[in-house]
Amino acid sequence: MAQLIIFVYALMVFLSIFLVESYKTKTPCKSLNDCPKAIKPIFVKCLGNICQYSIGRI
């Protein structure tokens, strides 16, 4: 029983890392220079006054 509780706890901690990492806020922008810099292969473009992220070229 104790092993099951430890397993569930470890699973919650492991999954929360991905939830926090995948959450992105909408960054307002007026030009591409307002968007944060991204490391390739992620590209950033200012579309509709919001910074849009994509993998590959937009």
N, C-alpha and C. Protein backbone atom coordinates (compact mmCIF):
# COMPACT_ATOMS: atom_id res chain seq x y z
N MET A 1 0.82 -1.19 0.00
CA MET A 1 0.00 0.00 0.00
C MET A 1 0.87 1.26 0.00
N ALA A 2 1.92 1.25 0.78
CA ALA A 2 2.81 2.40 0.86
C ALA A 2 3.52 2.62 -0.48
N GLN A 3 3.86 1.53 -1.16
CA GLN A 3 4.52 1.65 -2.46
C GLN A 3 3.59 2.29 -3.48
N LEU A 4 2.31 2.01 -3.41
CA LEU A 4 1.34 2.60 -4.32
C LEU A 4 1.24 4.10 -4.10
N ILE A 5 1.22 4.52 -2.85
CA ILE A 5 1.14 5.94 -2.54
C ILE A 5 2.39 6.66 -3.02
N ILE A 6 3.55 6.07 -2.82
CA ILE A 6 4.81 6.65 -3.29
C ILE A 6 4.82 6.73 -4.81
N PHE A 7 4.32 5.69 -5.47
CA PHE A 7 4.26 5.69 -6.93
C PHE A 7 3.35 6.80 -7.45
N VAL A 8 2.18 6.97 -6.85
CA VAL A 8 1.25 8.02 -7.27
C VAL A 8 1.86 9.39 -7.03
N TYR A 9 2.51 9.58 -5.91
CA TYR A 9 3.16 10.85 -5.60
C TYR A 9 4.26 11.15 -6.62
N ALA A 10 5.09 10.17 -6.93
CA ALA A 10 6.16 10.37 -7.91
C ALA A 10 5.59 10.65 -9.29
N LEU A 11 4.50 10.02 -9.65
CA LEU A 11 3.85 10.25 -10.93
C LEU A 11 3.31 11.69 -11.02
N MET A 12 2.73 12.17 -9.94
CA MET A 12 2.22 13.55 -9.93
C MET A 12 3.36 14.56 -10.06
N VAL A 13 4.45 14.33 -9.38
CA VAL A 13 5.61 15.23 -9.48
C VAL A 13 6.17 15.20 -10.90
N PHE A 14 6.30 14.02 -11.48
CA PHE A 14 6.84 13.87 -12.82
C PHE A 14 5.96 14.56 -13.86
N LEU A 15 4.64 14.38 -13.77
CA LEU A 15 3.73 14.99 -14.73
C LEU A 15 3.62 16.50 -14.55
N SER A 16 3.76 16.99 -13.34
CA SER A 16 3.67 18.43 -13.12
C SER A 16 4.81 19.18 -13.80
N ILE A 17 5.94 18.54 -13.95
CA ILE A 17 7.07 19.17 -14.67
C ILE A 17 6.65 19.49 -16.09
N PHE A 18 5.97 18.57 -16.76
CA PHE A 18 5.55 18.80 -18.14
C PHE A 18 4.44 19.84 -18.22
N LEU A 19 3.54 19.86 -17.25
CA LEU A 19 2.46 20.84 -17.28
C LEU A 19 3.00 22.25 -17.10
N VAL A 20 3.93 22.43 -16.21
CA VAL A 20 4.51 23.75 -15.98
C VAL A 20 5.35 24.16 -17.18
N GLU A 21 6.10 23.25 -17.73
CA GLU A 21 6.98 23.56 -18.86
C GLU A 21 6.19 23.87 -20.12
N SER A 22 5.06 23.22 -20.33
CA SER A 22 4.31 23.42 -21.57
C SER A 22 3.39 24.63 -21.51
N TYR A 23 3.18 25.22 -20.33
CA TYR A 23 2.30 26.37 -20.21
C TYR A 23 3.01 27.62 -20.73
N LYS A 24 2.40 28.30 -21.65
CA LYS A 24 2.98 29.52 -22.21
C LYS A 24 1.99 30.66 -22.05
N THR A 25 2.51 31.81 -21.72
CA THR A 25 1.65 32.98 -21.63
C THR A 25 1.63 33.69 -22.97
N LYS A 26 0.60 34.44 -23.20
CA LYS A 26 0.50 35.22 -24.42
C LYS A 26 1.28 36.51 -24.22
N THR A 27 2.35 36.67 -24.97
CA THR A 27 3.19 37.85 -24.86
C THR A 27 2.75 38.87 -25.90
N PRO A 28 2.30 40.06 -25.46
CA PRO A 28 1.90 41.07 -26.43
C PRO A 28 3.11 41.64 -27.16
N CYS A 29 2.90 42.02 -28.43
CA CYS A 29 4.00 42.57 -29.22
C CYS A 29 3.45 43.54 -30.26
N LYS A 30 4.31 44.43 -30.70
CA LYS A 30 3.98 45.31 -31.81
C LYS A 30 4.86 45.01 -33.01
N SER A 31 6.03 44.42 -32.75
CA SER A 31 6.94 44.01 -33.82
C SER A 31 7.67 42.75 -33.35
N LEU A 32 8.43 42.15 -34.25
CA LEU A 32 9.16 40.93 -33.92
C LEU A 32 10.19 41.17 -32.83
N ASN A 33 10.69 42.38 -32.73
CA ASN A 33 11.70 42.70 -31.71
C ASN A 33 11.13 42.66 -30.29
N ASP A 34 9.81 42.76 -30.14
CA ASP A 34 9.18 42.70 -28.82
C ASP A 34 9.08 41.27 -28.30
N CYS A 35 9.17 40.28 -29.18
CA CYS A 35 9.04 38.87 -28.79
C CYS A 35 10.35 38.36 -28.20
N PRO A 36 10.26 37.45 -27.22
CA PRO A 36 11.48 36.87 -26.66
C PRO A 36 12.20 36.02 -27.69
N LYS A 37 13.50 35.98 -27.58
CA LYS A 37 14.31 35.18 -28.51
C LYS A 37 14.12 33.70 -28.21
N ALA A 38 14.09 32.89 -29.26
CA ALA A 38 13.91 31.44 -29.11
C ALA A 38 15.08 30.72 -29.76
N ILE A 39 15.36 29.54 -29.25
CA ILE A 39 16.44 28.72 -29.78
C ILE A 39 15.88 27.85 -30.90
N LYS A 40 16.62 27.72 -32.01
CA LYS A 40 16.17 26.90 -33.13
C LYS A 40 15.93 25.48 -32.65
N PRO A 41 14.98 24.76 -33.13
CA PRO A 41 14.11 24.91 -34.28
C PRO A 41 12.82 25.66 -33.99
N ILE A 42 12.72 26.34 -32.84
CA ILE A 42 11.52 27.11 -32.53
C ILE A 42 11.67 28.51 -33.10
N PHE A 43 10.66 28.94 -33.84
CA PHE A 43 10.66 30.27 -34.44
C PHE A 43 9.52 31.09 -33.83
N VAL A 44 9.75 32.39 -33.73
CA VAL A 44 8.77 33.30 -33.14
C VAL A 44 8.41 34.35 -34.17
N LYS A 45 7.11 34.68 -34.22
CA LYS A 45 6.64 35.72 -35.12
C LYS A 45 5.53 36.49 -34.41
N CYS A 46 5.45 37.79 -34.66
CA CYS A 46 4.42 38.63 -34.07
C CYS A 46 3.21 38.63 -35.01
N LEU A 47 2.15 37.94 -34.61
CA LEU A 47 0.93 37.85 -35.41
C LEU A 47 -0.25 38.30 -34.56
N GLY A 48 -0.99 39.28 -35.03
CA GLY A 48 -2.16 39.75 -34.29
C GLY A 48 -1.80 40.33 -32.93
N ASN A 49 -0.66 41.00 -32.85
CA ASN A 49 -0.16 41.61 -31.61
C ASN A 49 0.10 40.60 -30.49
N ILE A 50 0.32 39.34 -30.84
CA ILE A 50 0.68 38.27 -29.89
C ILE A 50 1.85 37.51 -30.48
N CYS A 51 2.84 37.19 -29.65
CA CYS A 51 3.98 36.40 -30.12
C CYS A 51 3.53 34.96 -30.32
N GLN A 52 3.73 34.44 -31.53
CA GLN A 52 3.35 33.07 -31.89
C GLN A 52 4.60 32.22 -32.02
N TYR A 53 4.60 31.05 -31.41
CA TYR A 53 5.73 30.12 -31.46
C TYR A 53 5.39 28.98 -32.40
N SER A 54 6.38 28.52 -33.16
CA SER A 54 6.17 27.34 -34.00
C SER A 54 7.48 26.61 -34.19
N ILE A 55 7.35 25.36 -34.54
CA ILE A 55 8.53 24.56 -34.88
C ILE A 55 8.64 24.57 -36.38
N GLY A 56 9.71 25.08 -36.90
CA GLY A 56 9.86 25.27 -38.34
C GLY A 56 9.49 26.68 -38.71
N ARG A 57 9.61 27.00 -39.95
CA ARG A 57 9.34 28.37 -40.43
C ARG A 57 7.84 28.65 -40.47
N ILE A 58 7.49 29.93 -40.21
CA ILE A 58 6.10 30.36 -40.30
C ILE A 58 5.87 30.94 -41.68
